[in-house]
Amino acid sequence: MSQRSSDHEPETSARPAPANAIGEERILDAAYELLLAIGMRRMTMADIARHAEVSRATLYRRWPNVQAVVAALMTREWTTALMSAFQPDAADGRSRLVEGVVEVVAKTRVHPLMRKIIELDPEFLTPYLLERRGSSTVAHLALVEEGIKAGQADGSIRTGDPMWLARQIILVSLASAVSGPVMAAKDEYPMLDEQLREMLTRYLAP
């Protein structure tokens, strides 16, 4: 009587991966490339789906429109910037916070995504500047507030409500990041950063 071989390998399935197995990063990477190439106004959900090689149904299950995709993309980019900027090896809490904020502002000012949006689709930023906080701003506020508390704990930052100190820092930093290119040429950006560094250091000093 014949027997099956014990080392028989099962056939691999040719079925496509389920929609929830398709990485969000892949879609956001596609949106990033398209935004830099053609701008947000000309970009459609069909374009994003085609460039990411996913179905439009998969895309719409995650985001309702192009603006929502771009908002998620911006959150990803600035979360990455935040995580790399605030390093634990500073001399004290104030130095760590100030250097982290200045680094994020400097990166934001020249970030290709930010520059392309300002150049072609500035109205996308209007609600986040004048009407409501985006998720990136909420994350920035929380991180700066925690940094202020740490500096107050080690004596390097003055007393005061961390929430309001954080809000003022974000307001000043946002202006430097978004409007800096109006006030200075690109080769003068280091001076903008130095002025911001001095302003924040004096503002937070005990």
N, C-alpha and C. Protein backbone atom coordinates (compact mmCIF):
# COMPACT_ATOMS: atom_id res chain seq x y z
N MET A 1 0.85 -1.19 0.00
CA MET A 1 0.00 0.00 0.00
C MET A 1 0.88 1.23 0.00
N SER A 2 0.61 2.19 -0.89
CA SER A 2 1.45 3.39 -1.00
C SER A 2 1.20 4.34 0.15
N GLN A 3 2.26 5.08 0.52
CA GLN A 3 2.14 6.07 1.59
C GLN A 3 2.57 7.43 1.05
N ARG A 4 2.01 8.53 1.66
CA ARG A 4 2.45 9.88 1.30
C ARG A 4 3.83 10.14 1.89
N SER A 5 4.60 10.88 1.17
CA SER A 5 5.92 11.23 1.68
C SER A 5 5.79 12.13 2.88
N SER A 6 6.58 11.86 3.93
CA SER A 6 6.50 12.66 5.15
C SER A 6 7.02 14.07 4.95
N ASP A 7 7.83 14.27 3.90
CA ASP A 7 8.37 15.62 3.69
C ASP A 7 7.62 16.37 2.60
N HIS A 8 6.39 15.94 2.34
CA HIS A 8 5.56 16.62 1.34
C HIS A 8 5.26 18.04 1.79
N GLU A 9 5.56 19.07 0.94
CA GLU A 9 5.32 20.47 1.30
C GLU A 9 3.95 20.89 0.81
N PRO A 10 3.19 21.59 1.64
CA PRO A 10 1.86 22.07 1.22
C PRO A 10 2.00 23.10 0.12
N GLU A 11 1.01 23.16 -0.72
CA GLU A 11 1.00 24.15 -1.78
C GLU A 11 0.81 25.54 -1.19
N THR A 12 1.53 26.52 -1.73
CA THR A 12 1.38 27.90 -1.26
C THR A 12 0.13 28.50 -1.86
N SER A 13 -0.55 29.34 -1.07
CA SER A 13 -1.78 29.97 -1.52
C SER A 13 -1.48 31.14 -2.44
N ALA A 14 -2.28 31.27 -3.47
CA ALA A 14 -2.11 32.38 -4.40
C ALA A 14 -3.06 33.52 -4.07
N ARG A 15 -3.79 33.39 -2.96
CA ARG A 15 -4.75 34.43 -2.62
C ARG A 15 -4.03 35.72 -2.23
N PRO A 16 -4.57 36.89 -2.61
CA PRO A 16 -3.93 38.15 -2.22
C PRO A 16 -4.05 38.37 -0.73
N ALA A 17 -3.13 39.18 -0.20
CA ALA A 17 -3.18 39.49 1.23
C ALA A 17 -4.44 40.27 1.55
N PRO A 18 -5.04 40.04 2.71
CA PRO A 18 -6.22 40.80 3.09
C PRO A 18 -5.89 42.27 3.21
N ALA A 19 -6.92 43.12 3.09
CA ALA A 19 -6.72 44.57 3.10
C ALA A 19 -6.01 45.04 4.35
N ASN A 20 -6.36 44.44 5.51
CA ASN A 20 -5.75 44.92 6.74
C ASN A 20 -4.31 44.49 6.90
N ALA A 21 -3.81 43.66 5.97
CA ALA A 21 -2.41 43.24 6.02
C ALA A 21 -1.53 44.16 5.19
N ILE A 22 -2.13 45.05 4.42
CA ILE A 22 -1.38 45.98 3.60
C ILE A 22 -0.90 47.13 4.48
N GLY A 23 0.40 47.34 4.56
CA GLY A 23 0.97 48.30 5.48
C GLY A 23 0.57 49.74 5.18
N GLU A 24 0.26 50.46 6.24
CA GLU A 24 -0.08 51.87 6.11
C GLU A 24 1.11 52.65 5.57
N GLU A 25 2.32 52.25 5.96
CA GLU A 25 3.52 52.96 5.51
C GLU A 25 3.63 52.95 4.00
N ARG A 26 3.26 51.83 3.39
CA ARG A 26 3.34 51.71 1.93
C ARG A 26 2.43 52.75 1.27
N ILE A 27 1.24 52.93 1.80
CA ILE A 27 0.30 53.89 1.23
C ILE A 27 0.79 55.31 1.46
N LEU A 28 1.27 55.60 2.67
CA LEU A 28 1.75 56.94 2.98
C LEU A 28 3.00 57.28 2.16
N ASP A 29 3.85 56.30 1.94
CA ASP A 29 5.03 56.53 1.09
C ASP A 29 4.59 56.91 -0.33
N ALA A 30 3.58 56.23 -0.83
CA ALA A 30 3.07 56.54 -2.17
C ALA A 30 2.49 57.95 -2.22
N ALA A 31 1.74 58.31 -1.19
CA ALA A 31 1.16 59.65 -1.12
C ALA A 31 2.25 60.71 -1.06
N TYR A 32 3.30 60.44 -0.31
CA TYR A 32 4.43 61.37 -0.20
C TYR A 32 5.05 61.62 -1.58
N GLU A 33 5.32 60.56 -2.30
CA GLU A 33 5.93 60.70 -3.62
C GLU A 33 5.04 61.48 -4.57
N LEU A 34 3.76 61.20 -4.53
CA LEU A 34 2.83 61.90 -5.41
C LEU A 34 2.72 63.38 -5.05
N LEU A 35 2.67 63.66 -3.75
CA LEU A 35 2.52 65.05 -3.32
C LEU A 35 3.72 65.88 -3.79
N LEU A 36 4.91 65.33 -3.67
CA LEU A 36 6.09 66.06 -4.12
C LEU A 36 6.11 66.21 -5.64
N ALA A 37 5.52 65.24 -6.34
CA ALA A 37 5.56 65.27 -7.80
C ALA A 37 4.51 66.20 -8.40
N ILE A 38 3.29 66.16 -7.87
CA ILE A 38 2.20 66.90 -8.53
C ILE A 38 1.44 67.83 -7.60
N GLY A 39 1.69 67.78 -6.29
CA GLY A 39 0.96 68.63 -5.36
C GLY A 39 -0.33 67.98 -4.91
N MET A 40 -0.84 68.44 -3.79
CA MET A 40 -2.01 67.82 -3.21
C MET A 40 -3.29 68.08 -4.01
N ARG A 41 -3.41 69.28 -4.57
CA ARG A 41 -4.64 69.64 -5.27
C ARG A 41 -4.90 68.76 -6.47
N ARG A 42 -3.85 68.33 -7.15
CA ARG A 42 -4.00 67.49 -8.33
C ARG A 42 -4.05 66.00 -8.00
N MET A 43 -3.77 65.66 -6.78
CA MET A 43 -3.71 64.25 -6.38
C MET A 43 -5.10 63.74 -6.03
N THR A 44 -5.42 62.54 -6.47
CA THR A 44 -6.72 61.93 -6.17
C THR A 44 -6.51 60.63 -5.40
N MET A 45 -7.59 60.16 -4.82
CA MET A 45 -7.51 58.88 -4.11
C MET A 45 -7.16 57.75 -5.09
N ALA A 46 -7.66 57.85 -6.31
CA ALA A 46 -7.34 56.84 -7.32
C ALA A 46 -5.84 56.86 -7.63
N ASP A 47 -5.25 58.06 -7.69
CA ASP A 47 -3.81 58.17 -7.92
C ASP A 47 -3.03 57.48 -6.81
N ILE A 48 -3.43 57.75 -5.56
CA ILE A 48 -2.72 57.17 -4.42
C ILE A 48 -2.83 55.65 -4.44
N ALA A 49 -4.05 55.16 -4.68
CA ALA A 49 -4.26 53.71 -4.71
C ALA A 49 -3.42 53.07 -5.81
N ARG A 50 -3.40 53.69 -6.96
CA ARG A 50 -2.64 53.14 -8.09
C ARG A 50 -1.14 53.14 -7.78
N HIS A 51 -0.65 54.24 -7.20
CA HIS A 51 0.78 54.35 -6.91
C HIS A 51 1.20 53.39 -5.80
N ALA A 52 0.30 53.14 -4.86
CA ALA A 52 0.60 52.21 -3.76
C ALA A 52 0.29 50.77 -4.13
N GLU A 53 -0.34 50.57 -5.28
CA GLU A 53 -0.73 49.25 -5.76
C GLU A 53 -1.70 48.57 -4.78
N VAL A 54 -2.71 49.35 -4.37
CA VAL A 54 -3.79 48.81 -3.55
C VAL A 54 -5.10 49.22 -4.21
N SER A 55 -6.18 48.60 -3.79
CA SER A 55 -7.48 48.96 -4.34
C SER A 55 -7.97 50.25 -3.70
N ARG A 56 -8.85 50.95 -4.40
CA ARG A 56 -9.44 52.16 -3.82
C ARG A 56 -10.27 51.82 -2.59
N ALA A 57 -10.90 50.65 -2.59
CA ALA A 57 -11.69 50.23 -1.43
C ALA A 57 -10.80 50.13 -0.19
N THR A 58 -9.60 49.57 -0.38
CA THR A 58 -8.66 49.47 0.74
C THR A 58 -8.28 50.86 1.26
N LEU A 59 -8.06 51.77 0.34
CA LEU A 59 -7.68 53.13 0.72
C LEU A 59 -8.82 53.82 1.47
N TYR A 60 -10.03 53.71 0.96
CA TYR A 60 -11.18 54.38 1.58
C TYR A 60 -11.56 53.77 2.93
N ARG A 61 -11.17 52.54 3.16
CA ARG A 61 -11.42 51.96 4.48
C ARG A 61 -10.58 52.63 5.56
N ARG A 62 -9.49 53.25 5.14
CA ARG A 62 -8.59 53.88 6.11
C ARG A 62 -8.77 55.39 6.19
N TRP A 63 -8.98 56.03 5.05
CA TRP A 63 -9.11 57.49 5.01
C TRP A 63 -10.24 57.89 4.06
N PRO A 64 -10.98 58.94 4.41
CA PRO A 64 -12.13 59.33 3.57
C PRO A 64 -11.76 60.15 2.34
N ASN A 65 -10.59 60.81 2.35
CA ASN A 65 -10.24 61.68 1.23
C ASN A 65 -8.73 61.96 1.24
N VAL A 66 -8.29 62.69 0.22
CA VAL A 66 -6.87 63.00 0.08
C VAL A 66 -6.37 63.82 1.27
N GLN A 67 -7.19 64.79 1.73
CA GLN A 67 -6.77 65.63 2.84
C GLN A 67 -6.47 64.79 4.08
N ALA A 68 -7.27 63.77 4.32
CA ALA A 68 -7.06 62.91 5.49
C ALA A 68 -5.77 62.09 5.33
N VAL A 69 -5.48 61.66 4.11
CA VAL A 69 -4.24 60.92 3.86
C VAL A 69 -3.05 61.83 4.13
N VAL A 70 -3.11 63.07 3.62
CA VAL A 70 -2.00 64.01 3.81
C VAL A 70 -1.85 64.36 5.30
N ALA A 71 -2.95 64.50 6.00
CA ALA A 71 -2.87 64.77 7.44
C ALA A 71 -2.17 63.63 8.16
N ALA A 72 -2.48 62.40 7.80
CA ALA A 72 -1.80 61.24 8.40
C ALA A 72 -0.32 61.23 8.03
N LEU A 73 -0.03 61.63 6.81
CA LEU A 73 1.35 61.69 6.36
C LEU A 73 2.13 62.73 7.15
N MET A 74 1.55 63.90 7.37
CA MET A 74 2.22 64.94 8.14
C MET A 74 2.44 64.50 9.58
N THR A 75 1.45 63.82 10.15
CA THR A 75 1.60 63.32 11.51
C THR A 75 2.78 62.36 11.58
N ARG A 76 2.90 61.48 10.60
CA ARG A 76 4.02 60.54 10.59
C ARG A 76 5.35 61.25 10.50
N GLU A 77 5.45 62.23 9.59
CA GLU A 77 6.71 62.90 9.37
C GLU A 77 7.16 63.68 10.61
N TRP A 78 6.21 64.36 11.26
CA TRP A 78 6.61 65.18 12.40
C TRP A 78 6.73 64.37 13.69
N THR A 79 6.08 63.25 13.76
CA THR A 79 6.32 62.34 14.89
C THR A 79 7.73 61.79 14.80
N THR A 80 8.16 61.44 13.59
CA THR A 80 9.52 60.96 13.38
C THR A 80 10.53 62.03 13.77
N ALA A 81 10.27 63.27 13.38
CA ALA A 81 11.17 64.37 13.72
C ALA A 81 11.25 64.57 15.22
N LEU A 82 10.11 64.45 15.89
CA LEU A 82 10.07 64.61 17.34
C LEU A 82 10.90 63.54 18.03
N MET A 83 10.72 62.30 17.60
CA MET A 83 11.39 61.20 18.27
C MET A 83 12.91 61.27 18.13
N SER A 84 13.39 61.85 17.03
CA SER A 84 14.83 61.92 16.82
C SER A 84 15.46 63.17 17.42
N ALA A 85 14.64 64.18 17.74
CA ALA A 85 15.18 65.46 18.18
C ALA A 85 15.47 65.51 19.68
N PHE A 86 14.61 64.95 20.50
CA PHE A 86 14.73 65.10 21.94
C PHE A 86 15.56 63.95 22.52
N GLN A 87 16.87 64.19 22.58
CA GLN A 87 17.81 63.17 23.04
C GLN A 87 18.10 63.34 24.53
N PRO A 88 18.34 62.24 25.24
CA PRO A 88 18.48 62.30 26.69
C PRO A 88 19.86 62.71 27.21
N ASP A 89 20.80 63.04 26.31
CA ASP A 89 22.17 63.28 26.77
C ASP A 89 22.48 64.76 27.02
N ALA A 90 21.46 65.62 27.11
CA ALA A 90 21.69 67.04 27.36
C ALA A 90 22.09 67.27 28.82
N ALA A 91 22.68 68.44 29.06
CA ALA A 91 23.17 68.74 30.40
C ALA A 91 22.05 68.83 31.43
N ASP A 92 20.91 69.36 31.02
CA ASP A 92 19.78 69.50 31.94
C ASP A 92 18.48 69.56 31.13
N GLY A 93 17.37 69.65 31.83
CA GLY A 93 16.07 69.63 31.17
C GLY A 93 15.85 70.78 30.22
N ARG A 94 16.33 71.97 30.61
CA ARG A 94 16.14 73.14 29.73
C ARG A 94 16.93 72.98 28.44
N SER A 95 18.18 72.56 28.54
CA SER A 95 19.00 72.37 27.34
C SER A 95 18.39 71.32 26.42
N ARG A 96 17.91 70.25 27.00
CA ARG A 96 17.31 69.18 26.20
C ARG A 96 16.08 69.69 25.46
N LEU A 97 15.24 70.44 26.17
CA LEU A 97 14.01 70.94 25.56
C LEU A 97 14.32 71.97 24.48
N VAL A 98 15.18 72.93 24.79
CA VAL A 98 15.47 74.00 23.83
C VAL A 98 16.11 73.43 22.58
N GLU A 99 17.10 72.57 22.72
CA GLU A 99 17.77 72.02 21.55
C GLU A 99 16.82 71.14 20.73
N GLY A 100 15.93 70.42 21.42
CA GLY A 100 14.97 69.59 20.71
C GLY A 100 13.99 70.43 19.90
N VAL A 101 13.48 71.49 20.50
CA VAL A 101 12.54 72.37 19.80
C VAL A 101 13.22 73.03 18.61
N VAL A 102 14.42 73.54 18.81
CA VAL A 102 15.13 74.21 17.71
C VAL A 102 15.39 73.24 16.56
N GLU A 103 15.74 72.00 16.88
CA GLU A 103 15.99 71.01 15.82
C GLU A 103 14.72 70.70 15.03
N VAL A 104 13.60 70.53 15.72
CA VAL A 104 12.34 70.24 15.03
C VAL A 104 11.95 71.41 14.14
N VAL A 105 12.09 72.63 14.64
CA VAL A 105 11.77 73.82 13.85
C VAL A 105 12.65 73.89 12.60
N ALA A 106 13.95 73.65 12.77
CA ALA A 106 14.87 73.71 11.65
C ALA A 106 14.52 72.67 10.58
N LYS A 107 14.17 71.47 11.02
CA LYS A 107 13.79 70.42 10.07
C LYS A 107 12.48 70.73 9.37
N THR A 108 11.54 71.28 10.13
CA THR A 108 10.23 71.61 9.56
C THR A 108 10.35 72.69 8.50
N ARG A 109 11.17 73.67 8.76
CA ARG A 109 11.31 74.82 7.86
C ARG A 109 11.75 74.39 6.46
N VAL A 110 12.56 73.35 6.37
CA VAL A 110 13.09 72.93 5.06
C VAL A 110 12.54 71.58 4.61
N HIS A 111 11.58 71.04 5.35
CA HIS A 111 11.05 69.72 5.00
C HIS A 111 10.37 69.78 3.62
N PRO A 112 10.72 68.87 2.71
CA PRO A 112 10.13 68.91 1.36
C PRO A 112 8.60 68.89 1.37
N LEU A 113 8.01 68.13 2.29
CA LEU A 113 6.56 68.06 2.36
C LEU A 113 5.96 69.41 2.73
N MET A 114 6.52 70.05 3.75
CA MET A 114 6.02 71.36 4.17
C MET A 114 6.22 72.40 3.07
N ARG A 115 7.38 72.41 2.44
CA ARG A 115 7.63 73.41 1.41
C ARG A 115 6.71 73.24 0.21
N LYS A 116 6.43 71.99 -0.17
CA LYS A 116 5.55 71.75 -1.31
C LYS A 116 4.13 72.18 -1.00
N ILE A 117 3.66 71.90 0.20
CA ILE A 117 2.30 72.31 0.59
C ILE A 117 2.20 73.83 0.62
N ILE A 118 3.18 74.50 1.19
CA ILE A 118 3.16 75.97 1.23
C ILE A 118 3.22 76.55 -0.17
N GLU A 119 3.99 75.92 -1.04
CA GLU A 119 4.14 76.41 -2.41
C GLU A 119 2.87 76.23 -3.24
N LEU A 120 2.24 75.05 -3.15
CA LEU A 120 1.13 74.74 -4.05
C LEU A 120 -0.24 74.72 -3.38
N ASP A 121 -0.31 74.34 -2.11
CA ASP A 121 -1.61 74.15 -1.45
C ASP A 121 -1.62 74.75 -0.05
N PRO A 122 -1.30 76.04 0.08
CA PRO A 122 -1.20 76.63 1.43
C PRO A 122 -2.51 76.62 2.20
N GLU A 123 -3.64 76.57 1.47
CA GLU A 123 -4.94 76.57 2.16
C GLU A 123 -5.14 75.32 3.01
N PHE A 124 -4.39 74.25 2.72
CA PHE A 124 -4.48 73.04 3.53
C PHE A 124 -4.05 73.31 4.97
N LEU A 125 -3.10 74.23 5.15
CA LEU A 125 -2.57 74.52 6.48
C LEU A 125 -3.45 75.49 7.27
N THR A 126 -4.32 76.24 6.59
CA THR A 126 -5.08 77.29 7.26
C THR A 126 -5.86 76.80 8.47
N PRO A 127 -6.61 75.71 8.40
CA PRO A 127 -7.34 75.27 9.60
C PRO A 127 -6.43 74.97 10.78
N TYR A 128 -5.23 74.43 10.50
CA TYR A 128 -4.31 74.07 11.58
C TYR A 128 -3.61 75.30 12.16
N LEU A 129 -3.58 76.39 11.40
CA LEU A 129 -2.95 77.61 11.88
C LEU A 129 -3.96 78.55 12.56
N LEU A 130 -5.22 78.48 12.13
CA LEU A 130 -6.20 79.47 12.58
C LEU A 130 -7.41 78.90 13.31
N GLU A 131 -7.71 77.61 13.14
CA GLU A 131 -8.97 77.10 13.65
C GLU A 131 -8.87 75.96 14.65
N ARG A 132 -7.96 75.03 14.45
CA ARG A 132 -7.92 73.86 15.34
C ARG A 132 -6.52 73.28 15.41
N ARG A 133 -6.31 72.45 16.42
CA ARG A 133 -5.02 71.77 16.56
C ARG A 133 -5.06 70.44 15.82
N GLY A 134 -4.06 70.19 15.04
CA GLY A 134 -3.93 68.89 14.42
C GLY A 134 -3.27 67.92 15.39
N SER A 135 -3.25 66.66 15.03
CA SER A 135 -2.66 65.65 15.92
C SER A 135 -1.17 65.89 16.13
N SER A 136 -0.47 66.45 15.13
CA SER A 136 0.94 66.75 15.29
C SER A 136 1.15 67.82 16.35
N THR A 137 0.31 68.85 16.31
CA THR A 137 0.42 69.92 17.31
C THR A 137 0.12 69.41 18.70
N VAL A 138 -0.88 68.54 18.82
CA VAL A 138 -1.20 67.95 20.12
C VAL A 138 0.00 67.16 20.65
N ALA A 139 0.65 66.40 19.78
CA ALA A 139 1.82 65.63 20.19
C ALA A 139 2.96 66.55 20.59
N HIS A 140 3.17 67.64 19.84
CA HIS A 140 4.22 68.60 20.17
C HIS A 140 3.97 69.22 21.54
N LEU A 141 2.74 69.64 21.77
CA LEU A 141 2.39 70.25 23.06
C LEU A 141 2.67 69.30 24.22
N ALA A 142 2.27 68.06 24.07
CA ALA A 142 2.45 67.08 25.15
C ALA A 142 3.93 66.86 25.43
N LEU A 143 4.73 66.76 24.37
CA LEU A 143 6.16 66.52 24.56
C LEU A 143 6.85 67.73 25.20
N VAL A 144 6.51 68.93 24.74
CA VAL A 144 7.11 70.13 25.31
C VAL A 144 6.69 70.30 26.77
N GLU A 145 5.42 70.02 27.07
CA GLU A 145 4.96 70.13 28.45
C GLU A 145 5.71 69.17 29.36
N GLU A 146 5.93 67.94 28.91
CA GLU A 146 6.70 66.99 29.71
C GLU A 146 8.14 67.45 29.88
N GLY A 147 8.69 68.05 28.82
CA GLY A 147 10.05 68.56 28.91
C GLY A 147 10.16 69.70 29.92
N ILE A 148 9.13 70.54 29.96
CA ILE A 148 9.11 71.64 30.93
C ILE A 148 9.05 71.09 32.36
N LYS A 149 8.23 70.10 32.57
CA LYS A 149 8.12 69.50 33.90
C LYS A 149 9.45 68.90 34.33
N ALA A 150 10.14 68.25 33.41
CA ALA A 150 11.44 67.67 33.73
C ALA A 150 12.45 68.76 34.09
N GLY A 151 12.43 69.86 33.34
CA GLY A 151 13.33 70.96 33.63
C GLY A 151 13.01 71.66 34.94
N GLN A 152 11.73 71.76 35.25
CA GLN A 152 11.34 72.33 36.54
C GLN A 152 11.79 71.43 37.68
N ALA A 153 11.73 70.14 37.45
CA ALA A 153 12.13 69.19 38.49
C ALA A 153 13.62 69.27 38.79
N ASP A 154 14.45 69.52 37.76
CA ASP A 154 15.89 69.60 38.02
C ASP A 154 16.37 71.03 38.25
N GLY A 155 15.43 71.99 38.24
CA GLY A 155 15.77 73.37 38.57
C GLY A 155 16.28 74.20 37.42
N SER A 156 16.28 73.67 36.20
CA SER A 156 16.82 74.42 35.07
C SER A 156 15.76 75.26 34.35
N ILE A 157 14.49 75.05 34.66
CA ILE A 157 13.39 75.82 34.06
C ILE A 157 12.59 76.49 35.17
N ARG A 158 12.21 77.71 34.93
CA ARG A 158 11.51 78.51 35.93
C ARG A 158 10.15 77.91 36.28
N THR A 159 9.60 78.38 37.37
CA THR A 159 8.27 77.94 37.77
C THR A 159 7.24 78.56 36.83
N GLY A 160 6.08 77.95 36.79
CA GLY A 160 4.99 78.40 35.92
C GLY A 160 4.20 77.20 35.47
N ASP A 161 3.00 77.45 35.00
CA ASP A 161 2.14 76.38 34.53
C ASP A 161 2.74 75.76 33.27
N PRO A 162 3.14 74.49 33.31
CA PRO A 162 3.77 73.87 32.13
C PRO A 162 2.91 73.93 30.88
N MET A 163 1.60 73.86 31.06
CA MET A 163 0.71 73.89 29.89
C MET A 163 0.83 75.22 29.15
N TRP A 164 0.85 76.33 29.89
CA TRP A 164 0.90 77.64 29.24
C TRP A 164 2.30 77.96 28.73
N LEU A 165 3.30 77.52 29.44
CA LEU A 165 4.66 77.68 28.92
C LEU A 165 4.81 76.92 27.60
N ALA A 166 4.27 75.71 27.56
CA ALA A 166 4.36 74.89 26.34
C ALA A 166 3.61 75.55 25.19
N ARG A 167 2.45 76.10 25.46
CA ARG A 167 1.68 76.74 24.39
C ARG A 167 2.44 77.92 23.79
N GLN A 168 3.08 78.73 24.63
CA GLN A 168 3.83 79.87 24.11
C GLN A 168 5.02 79.41 23.28
N ILE A 169 5.68 78.36 23.72
CA ILE A 169 6.82 77.82 22.96
C ILE A 169 6.37 77.33 21.60
N ILE A 170 5.23 76.65 21.55
CA ILE A 170 4.72 76.15 20.27
C ILE A 170 4.35 77.30 19.35
N LEU A 171 3.74 78.35 19.89
CA LEU A 171 3.36 79.50 19.07
C LEU A 171 4.59 80.15 18.42
N VAL A 172 5.62 80.37 19.22
CA VAL A 172 6.84 80.99 18.71
C VAL A 172 7.52 80.07 17.69
N SER A 173 7.57 78.80 18.01
CA SER A 173 8.25 77.83 17.15
C SER A 173 7.52 77.67 15.81
N LEU A 174 6.20 77.66 15.86
CA LEU A 174 5.41 77.52 14.63
C LEU A 174 5.66 78.69 13.69
N ALA A 175 5.73 79.89 14.26
CA ALA A 175 6.00 81.06 13.43
C ALA A 175 7.37 80.97 12.78
N SER A 176 8.36 80.52 13.53
CA SER A 176 9.71 80.40 12.98
C SER A 176 9.78 79.34 11.89
N ALA A 177 9.03 78.24 12.07
CA ALA A 177 9.07 77.16 11.10
C ALA A 177 8.35 77.52 9.81
N VAL A 178 7.17 78.11 9.93
CA VAL A 178 6.34 78.38 8.74
C VAL A 178 6.71 79.69 8.07
N SER A 179 6.93 80.74 8.86
CA SER A 179 7.19 82.07 8.29
C SER A 179 8.66 82.42 8.21
N GLY A 180 9.53 81.56 8.74
CA GLY A 180 10.95 81.85 8.68
C GLY A 180 11.46 82.18 7.29
N PRO A 181 11.07 81.41 6.25
CA PRO A 181 11.55 81.70 4.91
C PRO A 181 11.11 83.07 4.38
N VAL A 182 10.09 83.67 4.98
CA VAL A 182 9.68 85.02 4.59
C VAL A 182 10.67 86.05 5.14
N MET A 183 11.25 85.74 6.29
CA MET A 183 12.10 86.68 6.99
C MET A 183 13.59 86.53 6.70
N ALA A 184 13.98 85.38 6.17
CA ALA A 184 15.41 85.14 5.99
C ALA A 184 15.66 84.28 4.76
N ALA A 185 16.79 84.50 4.12
CA ALA A 185 17.21 83.65 3.01
C ALA A 185 17.67 82.30 3.57
N LYS A 186 17.76 81.32 2.71
CA LYS A 186 18.08 79.97 3.17
C LYS A 186 19.41 79.91 3.90
N ASP A 187 20.41 80.67 3.42
CA ASP A 187 21.70 80.62 4.08
C ASP A 187 21.70 81.37 5.41
N GLU A 188 20.58 82.04 5.71
CA GLU A 188 20.45 82.74 6.99
C GLU A 188 19.64 81.94 8.01
N TYR A 189 19.16 80.76 7.63
CA TYR A 189 18.36 79.95 8.56
C TYR A 189 19.08 79.64 9.87
N PRO A 190 20.42 79.38 9.83
CA PRO A 190 21.10 79.15 11.11
C PRO A 190 20.95 80.32 12.09
N MET A 191 20.87 81.55 11.56
CA MET A 191 20.68 82.70 12.43
C MET A 191 19.28 82.68 13.05
N LEU A 192 18.28 82.27 12.26
CA LEU A 192 16.94 82.12 12.81
C LEU A 192 16.95 81.12 13.96
N ASP A 193 17.64 80.00 13.76
CA ASP A 193 17.72 78.97 14.79
C ASP A 193 18.43 79.50 16.04
N GLU A 194 19.49 80.26 15.84
CA GLU A 194 20.22 80.80 16.99
C GLU A 194 19.37 81.80 17.76
N GLN A 195 18.61 82.64 17.06
CA GLN A 195 17.74 83.59 17.73
C GLN A 195 16.63 82.88 18.50
N LEU A 196 16.08 81.81 17.91
CA LEU A 196 15.06 81.03 18.59
C LEU A 196 15.65 80.36 19.83
N ARG A 197 16.84 79.82 19.70
CA ARG A 197 17.52 79.17 20.84
C ARG A 197 17.70 80.16 21.99
N GLU A 198 18.16 81.36 21.66
CA GLU A 198 18.39 82.36 22.71
C GLU A 198 17.07 82.80 23.35
N MET A 199 16.05 82.98 22.52
CA MET A 199 14.74 83.40 23.03
C MET A 199 14.18 82.36 24.00
N LEU A 200 14.21 81.09 23.61
CA LEU A 200 13.65 80.04 24.46
C LEU A 200 14.47 79.87 25.73
N THR A 201 15.79 79.96 25.60
CA THR A 201 16.64 79.81 26.78
C THR A 201 16.34 80.89 27.81
N ARG A 202 16.21 82.14 27.34
CA ARG A 202 15.89 83.22 28.27
C ARG A 202 14.47 83.11 28.83
N TYR A 203 13.56 82.68 27.99
CA TYR A 203 12.16 82.56 28.42
C TYR A 203 12.01 81.52 29.53
N LEU A 204 12.77 80.45 29.45
CA LEU A 204 12.62 79.34 30.39
C LEU A 204 13.57 79.43 31.58
N ALA A 205 14.52 80.36 31.54
CA ALA A 205 15.53 80.43 32.60
C ALA A 205 14.88 80.73 33.95
N PRO A 206 15.37 80.09 35.02
CA PRO A 206 14.83 80.36 36.37
C PRO A 206 15.02 81.82 36.78
